Amino acid sequence: MPNFDPRVDAYIAKSADFARPVLEFVREAIHAGCPDVEEGIKWRMPSFDYQGAILCNVAAFKQHCAVNFWRAPDLKVNGKPIGSPGDKGGMGNFGRLTSVGDLPSRAAFVALVKQAVRLKAAGGRTLMARTSSRPRAPRPVVVPDDFTHALARNRRARVTFEGFPPGHRREYVAWITEAKTDATRQRRLATAIEWLAEGKPRNWKYMKK
């Protein structure tokens, strides 16, 4: 029997009209691909776990949705890697989603979920043979020194940051490094540490509670 969390129901119900079909599509396909998946809310967004590890999460913003698979660098849709969230501007594995049509077909999405499950069962290694002899490593998140030092002084913020998927970490790094002045950068550093200590992703204000 599917494990539906009423908090996810509430999240979907409060989302914008365009977002609800996207969220419902993703939720149904995840359950179809992994009947033992466990729903929950993490970082104020629906999260789908399998055997204690996150398979993926989904978020609704004011004008788009985003889907993030945590083993994205090893996953493929129709033979093509889906890529990491940072590859599409930090907006999830499939970019900015405004309708179900922006996602792969249901069959392809269910197959994607099954890949993620097999990867978890294999202990983090994909069961599919790679097409290239050279493994494709995920792009590292380069954290500037001042941000690293600030995180080191706040354990809760550091634990939250280290637990975030790469896309969420890149959003914070980009926000800080894109500051035009040192004063702005220092303000953003202080705010980032405050938000992270509260468990918030960079764009928490735009997420539906």
N, C-alpha and C. Protein backbone atom coordinates (compact mmCIF):
# COMPACT_ATOMS: atom_id res chain seq x y z
N MET A 1 0.85 -1.19 0.00
CA MET A 1 0.00 0.00 0.00
C MET A 1 0.89 1.24 0.00
N PRO A 2 0.62 2.24 -0.88
CA PRO A 2 1.47 3.43 -0.95
C PRO A 2 1.53 4.16 0.38
N ASN A 3 2.70 4.72 0.67
CA ASN A 3 2.92 5.46 1.90
C ASN A 3 2.80 6.95 1.58
N PHE A 4 1.61 7.50 1.76
CA PHE A 4 1.38 8.91 1.48
C PHE A 4 1.43 9.72 2.77
N ASP A 5 2.21 10.78 2.76
CA ASP A 5 2.35 11.65 3.91
C ASP A 5 1.36 12.81 3.77
N PRO A 6 0.49 13.03 4.74
CA PRO A 6 -0.49 14.12 4.64
C PRO A 6 0.16 15.50 4.50
N ARG A 7 1.40 15.63 4.94
CA ARG A 7 2.08 16.91 4.78
C ARG A 7 2.39 17.19 3.31
N VAL A 8 2.64 16.12 2.54
CA VAL A 8 2.84 16.29 1.10
C VAL A 8 1.52 16.65 0.44
N ASP A 9 0.43 16.03 0.89
CA ASP A 9 -0.89 16.41 0.38
C ASP A 9 -1.13 17.90 0.59
N ALA A 10 -0.82 18.37 1.78
CA ALA A 10 -1.04 19.78 2.10
C ALA A 10 -0.15 20.69 1.26
N TYR A 11 1.10 20.26 1.05
CA TYR A 11 2.03 21.04 0.22
C TYR A 11 1.49 21.20 -1.20
N ILE A 12 1.01 20.11 -1.76
CA ILE A 12 0.48 20.14 -3.12
C ILE A 12 -0.78 21.01 -3.18
N ALA A 13 -1.65 20.87 -2.19
CA ALA A 13 -2.90 21.62 -2.18
C ALA A 13 -2.66 23.13 -2.12
N LYS A 14 -1.58 23.55 -1.44
CA LYS A 14 -1.29 24.97 -1.29
C LYS A 14 -0.49 25.54 -2.46
N SER A 15 -0.03 24.68 -3.36
CA SER A 15 0.80 25.12 -4.48
C SER A 15 -0.05 25.82 -5.54
N ALA A 16 0.61 26.56 -6.41
CA ALA A 16 -0.08 27.28 -7.48
C ALA A 16 -0.78 26.30 -8.42
N ASP A 17 -1.76 26.80 -9.15
CA ASP A 17 -2.55 25.94 -10.04
C ASP A 17 -1.68 25.21 -11.05
N PHE A 18 -0.67 25.90 -11.61
CA PHE A 18 0.18 25.27 -12.61
C PHE A 18 1.04 24.16 -11.99
N ALA A 19 1.37 24.33 -10.69
CA ALA A 19 2.32 23.41 -10.05
C ALA A 19 1.69 22.09 -9.62
N ARG A 20 0.42 22.11 -9.26
CA ARG A 20 -0.20 20.90 -8.72
C ARG A 20 -0.12 19.70 -9.66
N PRO A 21 -0.43 19.85 -10.96
CA PRO A 21 -0.30 18.69 -11.84
C PRO A 21 1.13 18.16 -11.93
N VAL A 22 2.11 19.05 -11.88
CA VAL A 22 3.51 18.64 -11.94
C VAL A 22 3.86 17.83 -10.69
N LEU A 23 3.48 18.36 -9.54
CA LEU A 23 3.79 17.67 -8.28
C LEU A 23 3.08 16.32 -8.20
N GLU A 24 1.84 16.27 -8.62
CA GLU A 24 1.08 15.02 -8.58
C GLU A 24 1.66 13.99 -9.55
N PHE A 25 2.09 14.45 -10.73
CA PHE A 25 2.71 13.56 -11.71
C PHE A 25 3.98 12.94 -11.13
N VAL A 26 4.84 13.78 -10.56
CA VAL A 26 6.10 13.29 -10.00
C VAL A 26 5.84 12.32 -8.85
N ARG A 27 4.93 12.69 -7.99
CA ARG A 27 4.61 11.84 -6.83
C ARG A 27 4.11 10.46 -7.27
N GLU A 28 3.17 10.44 -8.20
CA GLU A 28 2.61 9.17 -8.65
C GLU A 28 3.66 8.31 -9.34
N ALA A 29 4.50 8.93 -10.18
CA ALA A 29 5.53 8.18 -10.89
C ALA A 29 6.57 7.62 -9.94
N ILE A 30 6.90 8.36 -8.90
CA ILE A 30 7.87 7.87 -7.92
C ILE A 30 7.33 6.64 -7.20
N HIS A 31 6.07 6.69 -6.80
CA HIS A 31 5.46 5.53 -6.14
C HIS A 31 5.35 4.34 -7.08
N ALA A 32 5.11 4.61 -8.37
CA ALA A 32 5.03 3.52 -9.34
C ALA A 32 6.39 2.87 -9.53
N GLY A 33 7.45 3.68 -9.52
CA GLY A 33 8.79 3.14 -9.72
C GLY A 33 9.40 2.55 -8.48
N CYS A 34 8.92 2.98 -7.31
CA CYS A 34 9.46 2.49 -6.03
C CYS A 34 8.31 2.36 -5.03
N PRO A 35 7.59 1.24 -5.04
CA PRO A 35 6.44 1.07 -4.13
C PRO A 35 6.81 1.21 -2.65
N ASP A 36 8.08 0.98 -2.30
CA ASP A 36 8.50 1.08 -0.90
C ASP A 36 9.01 2.46 -0.51
N VAL A 37 8.83 3.44 -1.39
CA VAL A 37 9.33 4.78 -1.10
C VAL A 37 8.60 5.35 0.11
N GLU A 38 9.30 6.19 0.86
CA GLU A 38 8.72 6.85 2.03
C GLU A 38 8.70 8.36 1.80
N GLU A 39 7.53 8.94 1.92
CA GLU A 39 7.39 10.38 1.73
C GLU A 39 7.71 11.13 3.02
N GLY A 40 8.05 12.39 2.83
CA GLY A 40 8.27 13.26 3.98
C GLY A 40 8.47 14.68 3.51
N ILE A 41 8.68 15.58 4.44
CA ILE A 41 9.00 16.97 4.13
C ILE A 41 10.37 17.27 4.72
N LYS A 42 11.31 17.62 3.85
CA LYS A 42 12.65 18.01 4.28
C LYS A 42 13.00 19.33 3.61
N TRP A 43 13.55 20.24 4.40
CA TRP A 43 13.88 21.57 3.89
C TRP A 43 12.65 22.22 3.26
N ARG A 44 11.48 21.93 3.87
CA ARG A 44 10.20 22.53 3.48
C ARG A 44 9.74 22.14 2.08
N MET A 45 10.18 21.00 1.62
CA MET A 45 9.75 20.50 0.31
C MET A 45 9.53 18.99 0.39
N PRO A 46 8.67 18.43 -0.46
CA PRO A 46 8.45 16.98 -0.46
C PRO A 46 9.73 16.22 -0.79
N SER A 47 10.00 15.21 0.02
CA SER A 47 11.19 14.38 -0.17
C SER A 47 10.75 12.92 -0.24
N PHE A 48 11.42 12.14 -1.09
CA PHE A 48 11.07 10.75 -1.28
C PHE A 48 12.30 9.89 -0.98
N ASP A 49 12.20 9.08 0.08
CA ASP A 49 13.33 8.30 0.57
C ASP A 49 13.14 6.81 0.31
N TYR A 50 14.27 6.13 0.17
CA TYR A 50 14.26 4.67 0.02
C TYR A 50 15.39 4.09 0.84
N GLN A 51 15.04 3.24 1.79
CA GLN A 51 16.02 2.59 2.67
C GLN A 51 16.94 3.60 3.34
N GLY A 52 16.34 4.67 3.82
CA GLY A 52 17.08 5.65 4.58
C GLY A 52 17.85 6.68 3.77
N ALA A 53 17.75 6.61 2.44
CA ALA A 53 18.46 7.57 1.59
C ALA A 53 17.46 8.28 0.69
N ILE A 54 17.71 9.54 0.39
CA ILE A 54 16.82 10.31 -0.46
C ILE A 54 17.00 9.89 -1.92
N LEU A 55 15.89 9.55 -2.57
CA LEU A 55 15.93 9.30 -4.01
C LEU A 55 15.84 10.63 -4.75
N CYS A 56 14.88 11.45 -4.35
CA CYS A 56 14.73 12.75 -5.00
C CYS A 56 13.81 13.63 -4.16
N ASN A 57 13.77 14.90 -4.50
CA ASN A 57 12.79 15.80 -3.91
C ASN A 57 12.23 16.72 -4.98
N VAL A 58 11.14 17.37 -4.66
CA VAL A 58 10.47 18.25 -5.62
C VAL A 58 10.04 19.50 -4.88
N ALA A 59 10.09 20.63 -5.57
CA ALA A 59 9.73 21.89 -4.93
C ALA A 59 8.88 22.72 -5.88
N ALA A 60 7.95 23.47 -5.31
CA ALA A 60 7.12 24.38 -6.08
C ALA A 60 7.47 25.81 -5.70
N PHE A 61 7.79 26.62 -6.70
CA PHE A 61 8.07 28.03 -6.50
C PHE A 61 6.90 28.85 -7.05
N LYS A 62 7.04 30.15 -7.10
CA LYS A 62 5.94 30.98 -7.56
C LYS A 62 5.61 30.76 -9.03
N GLN A 63 6.64 30.52 -9.85
CA GLN A 63 6.41 30.43 -11.28
C GLN A 63 6.96 29.17 -11.92
N HIS A 64 7.52 28.29 -11.13
CA HIS A 64 8.04 27.04 -11.70
C HIS A 64 8.22 26.01 -10.60
N CYS A 65 8.46 24.78 -11.01
CA CYS A 65 8.79 23.68 -10.09
C CYS A 65 10.18 23.16 -10.44
N ALA A 66 10.76 22.38 -9.53
CA ALA A 66 12.06 21.77 -9.77
C ALA A 66 12.08 20.38 -9.16
N VAL A 67 12.72 19.44 -9.86
CA VAL A 67 12.89 18.07 -9.39
C VAL A 67 14.38 17.77 -9.29
N ASN A 68 14.81 17.22 -8.16
CA ASN A 68 16.22 16.91 -7.96
C ASN A 68 16.41 15.45 -7.56
N PHE A 69 17.13 14.69 -8.39
CA PHE A 69 17.53 13.33 -8.03
C PHE A 69 18.92 13.41 -7.42
N TRP A 70 19.12 12.74 -6.30
CA TRP A 70 20.38 12.85 -5.59
C TRP A 70 21.49 12.03 -6.22
N ARG A 71 21.19 11.10 -7.10
CA ARG A 71 22.22 10.35 -7.81
C ARG A 71 22.23 10.76 -9.28
N ALA A 72 21.88 12.01 -9.53
CA ALA A 72 21.70 12.49 -10.89
C ALA A 72 22.85 12.19 -11.85
N PRO A 73 24.13 12.35 -11.46
CA PRO A 73 25.21 12.12 -12.42
C PRO A 73 25.25 10.70 -12.99
N ASP A 74 24.62 9.74 -12.31
CA ASP A 74 24.63 8.36 -12.78
C ASP A 74 23.31 7.92 -13.41
N LEU A 75 22.36 8.83 -13.54
CA LEU A 75 21.04 8.47 -14.04
C LEU A 75 20.83 8.96 -15.47
N LYS A 76 20.02 8.21 -16.22
CA LYS A 76 19.77 8.54 -17.62
C LYS A 76 18.29 8.45 -17.94
N VAL A 77 17.86 9.26 -18.91
CA VAL A 77 16.52 9.18 -19.48
C VAL A 77 16.67 8.98 -20.97
N ASN A 78 16.09 7.90 -21.45
CA ASN A 78 16.22 7.56 -22.87
C ASN A 78 17.68 7.52 -23.33
N GLY A 79 18.54 7.02 -22.44
CA GLY A 79 19.95 6.86 -22.78
C GLY A 79 20.81 8.09 -22.58
N LYS A 80 20.20 9.22 -22.16
CA LYS A 80 20.96 10.45 -22.00
C LYS A 80 21.02 10.83 -20.52
N PRO A 81 22.22 11.21 -20.01
CA PRO A 81 22.33 11.62 -18.60
C PRO A 81 21.42 12.81 -18.31
N ILE A 82 20.79 12.78 -17.15
CA ILE A 82 19.90 13.89 -16.81
C ILE A 82 20.67 15.10 -16.29
N GLY A 83 21.91 14.88 -15.83
CA GLY A 83 22.73 15.99 -15.37
C GLY A 83 22.41 16.40 -13.96
N SER A 84 23.26 17.24 -13.39
CA SER A 84 23.10 17.76 -12.05
C SER A 84 22.29 19.04 -12.09
N PRO A 85 21.66 19.43 -10.94
CA PRO A 85 20.89 20.66 -10.93
C PRO A 85 21.67 21.88 -11.39
N GLY A 86 22.94 21.96 -11.02
CA GLY A 86 23.75 23.11 -11.41
C GLY A 86 23.96 23.22 -12.91
N ASP A 87 23.78 22.12 -13.64
CA ASP A 87 23.95 22.17 -15.09
C ASP A 87 22.87 22.99 -15.77
N LYS A 88 21.75 23.22 -15.07
CA LYS A 88 20.64 23.98 -15.64
C LYS A 88 20.33 25.19 -14.76
N GLY A 89 21.38 25.80 -14.27
CA GLY A 89 21.21 27.02 -13.49
C GLY A 89 20.69 26.79 -12.09
N GLY A 90 20.92 25.61 -11.53
CA GLY A 90 20.46 25.35 -10.17
C GLY A 90 18.97 25.10 -10.05
N MET A 91 18.31 24.85 -11.21
CA MET A 91 16.87 24.72 -11.18
C MET A 91 16.41 23.28 -11.34
N GLY A 92 17.15 22.33 -10.85
CA GLY A 92 16.73 20.94 -10.91
C GLY A 92 17.25 20.23 -12.13
N ASN A 93 17.03 18.91 -12.15
CA ASN A 93 17.56 18.08 -13.22
C ASN A 93 16.90 18.33 -14.57
N PHE A 94 15.71 18.91 -14.57
CA PHE A 94 14.97 19.13 -15.82
C PHE A 94 14.70 20.61 -16.07
N GLY A 95 15.45 21.47 -15.39
CA GLY A 95 15.26 22.90 -15.57
C GLY A 95 13.99 23.40 -14.90
N ARG A 96 13.52 24.56 -15.32
CA ARG A 96 12.30 25.16 -14.75
C ARG A 96 11.07 24.45 -15.31
N LEU A 97 10.29 23.87 -14.44
CA LEU A 97 9.11 23.11 -14.85
C LEU A 97 7.86 23.95 -14.64
N THR A 98 7.12 24.16 -15.71
CA THR A 98 5.87 24.92 -15.60
C THR A 98 4.66 24.07 -15.99
N SER A 99 4.91 22.87 -16.50
CA SER A 99 3.82 21.96 -16.85
C SER A 99 4.36 20.54 -16.90
N VAL A 100 3.46 19.57 -16.89
CA VAL A 100 3.87 18.17 -16.97
C VAL A 100 4.63 17.91 -18.27
N GLY A 101 4.32 18.66 -19.31
CA GLY A 101 4.99 18.48 -20.60
C GLY A 101 6.47 18.78 -20.56
N ASP A 102 6.93 19.47 -19.51
CA ASP A 102 8.37 19.76 -19.39
C ASP A 102 9.15 18.57 -18.84
N LEU A 103 8.43 17.55 -18.38
CA LEU A 103 9.06 16.36 -17.82
C LEU A 103 9.10 15.23 -18.85
N PRO A 104 9.94 14.22 -18.62
CA PRO A 104 9.91 13.03 -19.49
C PRO A 104 8.53 12.36 -19.38
N SER A 105 8.26 11.45 -20.28
CA SER A 105 7.00 10.71 -20.23
C SER A 105 6.89 9.94 -18.91
N ARG A 106 5.69 9.53 -18.56
CA ARG A 106 5.52 8.78 -17.32
C ARG A 106 6.38 7.52 -17.33
N ALA A 107 6.38 6.78 -18.45
CA ALA A 107 7.15 5.55 -18.54
C ALA A 107 8.64 5.83 -18.33
N ALA A 108 9.14 6.92 -18.94
CA ALA A 108 10.56 7.26 -18.80
C ALA A 108 10.87 7.70 -17.37
N PHE A 109 9.94 8.43 -16.74
CA PHE A 109 10.18 8.90 -15.38
C PHE A 109 10.16 7.72 -14.40
N VAL A 110 9.22 6.80 -14.59
CA VAL A 110 9.17 5.61 -13.73
C VAL A 110 10.46 4.80 -13.89
N ALA A 111 10.94 4.67 -15.12
CA ALA A 111 12.19 3.95 -15.37
C ALA A 111 13.36 4.65 -14.68
N LEU A 112 13.31 5.99 -14.64
CA LEU A 112 14.35 6.76 -13.98
C LEU A 112 14.36 6.47 -12.47
N VAL A 113 13.18 6.41 -11.88
CA VAL A 113 13.07 6.10 -10.46
C VAL A 113 13.63 4.70 -10.18
N LYS A 114 13.32 3.75 -11.06
CA LYS A 114 13.81 2.39 -10.88
C LYS A 114 15.34 2.34 -10.97
N GLN A 115 15.91 3.19 -11.83
CA GLN A 115 17.37 3.27 -11.91
C GLN A 115 17.94 3.73 -10.56
N ALA A 116 17.32 4.76 -9.99
CA ALA A 116 17.79 5.30 -8.72
C ALA A 116 17.71 4.24 -7.62
N VAL A 117 16.65 3.43 -7.65
CA VAL A 117 16.49 2.36 -6.67
C VAL A 117 17.59 1.31 -6.86
N ARG A 118 17.85 0.93 -8.11
CA ARG A 118 18.90 -0.07 -8.37
C ARG A 118 20.27 0.46 -7.95
N LEU A 119 20.47 1.75 -8.14
CA LEU A 119 21.74 2.35 -7.75
C LEU A 119 21.92 2.29 -6.23
N LYS A 120 20.84 2.54 -5.51
CA LYS A 120 20.89 2.43 -4.06
C LYS A 120 21.17 0.98 -3.65
N ALA A 121 20.51 0.03 -4.30
CA ALA A 121 20.71 -1.39 -3.97
C ALA A 121 22.13 -1.84 -4.28
N ALA A 122 22.77 -1.19 -5.25
CA ALA A 122 24.13 -1.55 -5.63
C ALA A 122 25.17 -0.86 -4.75
N GLY A 123 24.71 -0.17 -3.74
CA GLY A 123 25.65 0.49 -2.84
C GLY A 123 26.24 1.76 -3.40
N GLY A 124 25.48 2.43 -4.26
CA GLY A 124 25.94 3.70 -4.81
C GLY A 124 26.56 3.56 -6.18
N ARG A 125 26.62 2.34 -6.71
CA ARG A 125 27.19 2.16 -8.04
C ARG A 125 26.10 1.68 -8.98
N THR A 126 26.03 2.27 -10.14
CA THR A 126 24.99 1.90 -11.09
C THR A 126 25.18 0.49 -11.59
N LEU A 127 24.07 -0.20 -11.88
CA LEU A 127 24.15 -1.55 -12.40
C LEU A 127 24.29 -1.57 -13.92
N MET A 128 24.12 -0.40 -14.54
CA MET A 128 24.20 -0.33 -15.99
C MET A 128 25.63 -0.06 -16.41
N ALA A 129 26.06 -0.67 -17.50
CA ALA A 129 27.41 -0.44 -18.01
C ALA A 129 27.50 0.96 -18.58
N ARG A 130 28.59 1.64 -18.33
CA ARG A 130 28.80 2.97 -18.90
C ARG A 130 29.19 2.86 -20.37
N THR A 131 28.78 3.87 -21.12
CA THR A 131 29.10 3.87 -22.54
C THR A 131 30.54 4.34 -22.78
N SER A 132 31.14 4.91 -21.75
CA SER A 132 32.51 5.38 -21.88
C SER A 132 33.36 4.75 -20.80
N SER A 133 34.63 4.51 -21.10
CA SER A 133 35.53 3.93 -20.11
C SER A 133 35.94 4.95 -19.06
N ARG A 134 35.70 6.22 -19.34
CA ARG A 134 36.06 7.27 -18.41
C ARG A 134 34.84 7.64 -17.57
N PRO A 135 34.86 7.42 -16.25
CA PRO A 135 33.70 7.76 -15.42
C PRO A 135 33.45 9.26 -15.42
N ARG A 136 32.19 9.63 -15.41
CA ARG A 136 31.82 11.04 -15.41
C ARG A 136 31.56 11.50 -13.98
N ALA A 137 32.49 12.27 -13.44
CA ALA A 137 32.37 12.72 -12.06
C ALA A 137 31.47 13.94 -11.98
N PRO A 138 30.70 14.07 -10.90
CA PRO A 138 29.86 15.24 -10.73
C PRO A 138 30.71 16.49 -10.56
N ARG A 139 30.23 17.61 -11.06
CA ARG A 139 30.96 18.86 -10.95
C ARG A 139 31.02 19.30 -9.50
N PRO A 140 32.21 19.53 -8.94
CA PRO A 140 32.31 19.88 -7.52
C PRO A 140 31.76 21.28 -7.24
N VAL A 141 31.30 21.48 -6.02
CA VAL A 141 30.84 22.79 -5.58
C VAL A 141 32.01 23.48 -4.90
N VAL A 142 32.49 24.56 -5.49
CA VAL A 142 33.65 25.29 -4.95
C VAL A 142 33.15 26.36 -3.98
N VAL A 143 33.45 26.18 -2.71
CA VAL A 143 32.99 27.11 -1.67
C VAL A 143 34.10 28.11 -1.37
N PRO A 144 33.84 29.42 -1.48
CA PRO A 144 34.88 30.42 -1.20
C PRO A 144 35.34 30.37 0.25
N ASP A 145 36.56 30.84 0.48
CA ASP A 145 37.17 30.73 1.81
C ASP A 145 36.35 31.43 2.90
N ASP A 146 35.84 32.63 2.60
CA ASP A 146 35.11 33.35 3.65
C ASP A 146 33.82 32.62 4.03
N PHE A 147 33.19 31.97 3.06
CA PHE A 147 31.98 31.19 3.36
C PHE A 147 32.35 29.94 4.17
N THR A 148 33.45 29.31 3.79
CA THR A 148 33.92 28.12 4.52
C THR A 148 34.21 28.46 5.98
N HIS A 149 34.88 29.60 6.21
CA HIS A 149 35.22 30.01 7.57
C HIS A 149 33.96 30.33 8.37
N ALA A 150 32.99 30.97 7.72
CA ALA A 150 31.74 31.31 8.40
C ALA A 150 30.98 30.04 8.78
N LEU A 151 30.97 29.05 7.90
CA LEU A 151 30.31 27.78 8.19
C LEU A 151 30.99 27.05 9.33
N ALA A 152 32.31 27.15 9.38
CA ALA A 152 33.08 26.47 10.43
C ALA A 152 32.73 26.99 11.82
N ARG A 153 32.25 28.24 11.88
CA ARG A 153 31.92 28.84 13.17
C ARG A 153 30.49 28.56 13.62
N ASN A 154 29.71 27.92 12.75
CA ASN A 154 28.31 27.62 13.10
C ASN A 154 28.00 26.19 12.70
N ARG A 155 27.98 25.31 13.68
CA ARG A 155 27.82 23.88 13.38
C ARG A 155 26.50 23.57 12.69
N ARG A 156 25.40 24.16 13.17
CA ARG A 156 24.10 23.87 12.57
C ARG A 156 24.04 24.30 11.11
N ALA A 157 24.61 25.44 10.82
CA ALA A 157 24.63 25.92 9.43
C ALA A 157 25.49 24.99 8.57
N ARG A 158 26.63 24.58 9.12
CA ARG A 158 27.54 23.71 8.35
C ARG A 158 26.90 22.36 8.06
N VAL A 159 26.23 21.78 9.06
CA VAL A 159 25.58 20.48 8.86
C VAL A 159 24.48 20.59 7.80
N THR A 160 23.69 21.66 7.85
CA THR A 160 22.63 21.86 6.86
C THR A 160 23.24 21.99 5.46
N PHE A 161 24.26 22.83 5.34
CA PHE A 161 24.87 23.07 4.04
C PHE A 161 25.46 21.79 3.46
N GLU A 162 26.16 21.02 4.29
CA GLU A 162 26.78 19.79 3.81
C GLU A 162 25.73 18.73 3.46
N GLY A 163 24.55 18.81 4.05
CA GLY A 163 23.49 17.85 3.77
C GLY A 163 22.66 18.20 2.56
N PHE A 164 22.79 19.43 2.06
CA PHE A 164 22.02 19.85 0.89
C PHE A 164 22.55 19.17 -0.38
N PRO A 165 21.68 18.96 -1.38
CA PRO A 165 22.15 18.48 -2.68
C PRO A 165 23.02 19.56 -3.34
N PRO A 166 23.85 19.18 -4.31
CA PRO A 166 24.77 20.15 -4.93
C PRO A 166 24.08 21.41 -5.45
N GLY A 167 22.90 21.26 -6.02
CA GLY A 167 22.20 22.42 -6.57
C GLY A 167 21.90 23.46 -5.52
N HIS A 168 21.46 23.03 -4.33
CA HIS A 168 21.17 23.97 -3.24
C HIS A 168 22.45 24.65 -2.76
N ARG A 169 23.54 23.90 -2.68
CA ARG A 169 24.79 24.49 -2.23
C ARG A 169 25.28 25.54 -3.25
N ARG A 170 25.13 25.21 -4.54
CA ARG A 170 25.57 26.16 -5.58
C ARG A 170 24.76 27.46 -5.52
N GLU A 171 23.48 27.35 -5.17
CA GLU A 171 22.65 28.55 -5.10
C GLU A 171 23.19 29.52 -4.04
N TYR A 172 23.59 28.97 -2.89
CA TYR A 172 24.15 29.82 -1.84
C TYR A 172 25.50 30.40 -2.28
N VAL A 173 26.36 29.57 -2.86
CA VAL A 173 27.68 30.03 -3.29
C VAL A 173 27.53 31.13 -4.34
N ALA A 174 26.63 30.93 -5.32
CA ALA A 174 26.44 31.93 -6.37
C ALA A 174 25.93 33.24 -5.79
N TRP A 175 25.01 33.17 -4.85
CA TRP A 175 24.44 34.37 -4.24
C TRP A 175 25.51 35.19 -3.55
N ILE A 176 26.43 34.51 -2.88
CA ILE A 176 27.49 35.21 -2.15
C ILE A 176 28.55 35.76 -3.11
N THR A 177 28.98 34.94 -4.04
CA THR A 177 30.07 35.37 -4.93
C THR A 177 29.64 36.42 -5.95
N GLU A 178 28.34 36.53 -6.20
CA GLU A 178 27.85 37.52 -7.16
C GLU A 178 27.62 38.90 -6.55
N ALA A 179 27.89 39.04 -5.26
CA ALA A 179 27.74 40.34 -4.60
C ALA A 179 28.66 41.37 -5.27
N LYS A 180 28.15 42.58 -5.48
CA LYS A 180 28.91 43.61 -6.19
C LYS A 180 29.91 44.33 -5.28
N THR A 181 29.61 44.40 -4.00
CA THR A 181 30.50 45.10 -3.07
C THR A 181 30.82 44.19 -1.89
N ASP A 182 31.88 44.53 -1.17
CA ASP A 182 32.27 43.74 -0.01
C ASP A 182 31.21 43.83 1.08
N ALA A 183 30.59 45.00 1.23
CA ALA A 183 29.56 45.17 2.24
C ALA A 183 28.37 44.25 1.96
N THR A 184 27.98 44.20 0.67
CA THR A 184 26.88 43.32 0.29
C THR A 184 27.25 41.86 0.53
N ARG A 185 28.47 41.53 0.20
CA ARG A 185 28.93 40.15 0.39
C ARG A 185 28.88 39.75 1.87
N GLN A 186 29.31 40.66 2.74
CA GLN A 186 29.30 40.36 4.16
C GLN A 186 27.88 40.20 4.69
N ARG A 187 26.97 41.04 4.19
CA ARG A 187 25.56 40.91 4.60
C ARG A 187 24.99 39.57 4.14
N ARG A 188 25.31 39.17 2.92
CA ARG A 188 24.81 37.91 2.40
C ARG A 188 25.41 36.72 3.15
N LEU A 189 26.68 36.83 3.51
CA LEU A 189 27.30 35.76 4.30
C LEU A 189 26.57 35.58 5.63
N ALA A 190 26.31 36.69 6.30
CA ALA A 190 25.63 36.62 7.60
C ALA A 190 24.23 36.05 7.45
N THR A 191 23.52 36.48 6.40
CA THR A 191 22.16 35.99 6.17
C THR A 191 22.17 34.51 5.81
N ALA A 192 23.14 34.11 4.99
CA ALA A 192 23.24 32.70 4.59
C ALA A 192 23.44 31.81 5.81
N ILE A 193 24.32 32.22 6.71
CA ILE A 193 24.56 31.42 7.92
C ILE A 193 23.29 31.35 8.77
N GLU A 194 22.59 32.46 8.88
CA GLU A 194 21.34 32.49 9.66
C GLU A 194 20.31 31.53 9.07
N TRP A 195 20.11 31.60 7.75
CA TRP A 195 19.12 30.73 7.09
C TRP A 195 19.53 29.26 7.18
N LEU A 196 20.80 28.99 6.96
CA LEU A 196 21.26 27.60 7.01
C LEU A 196 21.10 27.03 8.42
N ALA A 197 21.35 27.83 9.43
CA ALA A 197 21.19 27.37 10.80
C ALA A 197 19.73 27.00 11.08
N GLU A 198 18.81 27.60 10.32
CA GLU A 198 17.39 27.30 10.46
C GLU A 198 16.94 26.20 9.49
N GLY A 199 17.90 25.65 8.73
CA GLY A 199 17.58 24.56 7.81
C GLY A 199 16.98 25.01 6.51
N LYS A 200 17.17 26.26 6.12
CA LYS A 200 16.51 26.82 4.94
C LYS A 200 17.40 26.78 3.70
N PRO A 201 16.86 26.38 2.54
CA PRO A 201 17.60 26.53 1.29
C PRO A 201 17.61 28.00 0.88
N ARG A 202 18.44 28.35 -0.05
CA ARG A 202 18.59 29.74 -0.48
C ARG A 202 17.26 30.36 -0.90
N ASN A 203 16.43 29.63 -1.64
CA ASN A 203 15.18 30.18 -2.17
C ASN A 203 13.97 29.80 -1.35
N TRP A 204 14.14 29.66 -0.03
CA TRP A 204 13.04 29.20 0.82
C TRP A 204 11.83 30.12 0.77
N LYS A 205 12.07 31.42 0.53
CA LYS A 205 10.95 32.37 0.52
C LYS A 205 9.97 32.09 -0.62
N TYR A 206 10.46 31.45 -1.68
CA TYR A 206 9.62 31.21 -2.85
C TYR A 206 8.97 29.83 -2.84
N MET A 207 9.22 29.08 -1.79
CA MET A 207 8.64 27.74 -1.69
C MET A 207 7.34 27.79 -0.93
N LYS A 208 6.41 26.93 -1.33
CA LYS A 208 5.13 26.86 -0.64
C LYS A 208 5.32 26.10 0.66
N LYS A 209 4.75 26.64 1.73
CA LYS A 209 4.85 25.98 3.03
C LYS A 209 3.82 24.85 3.11
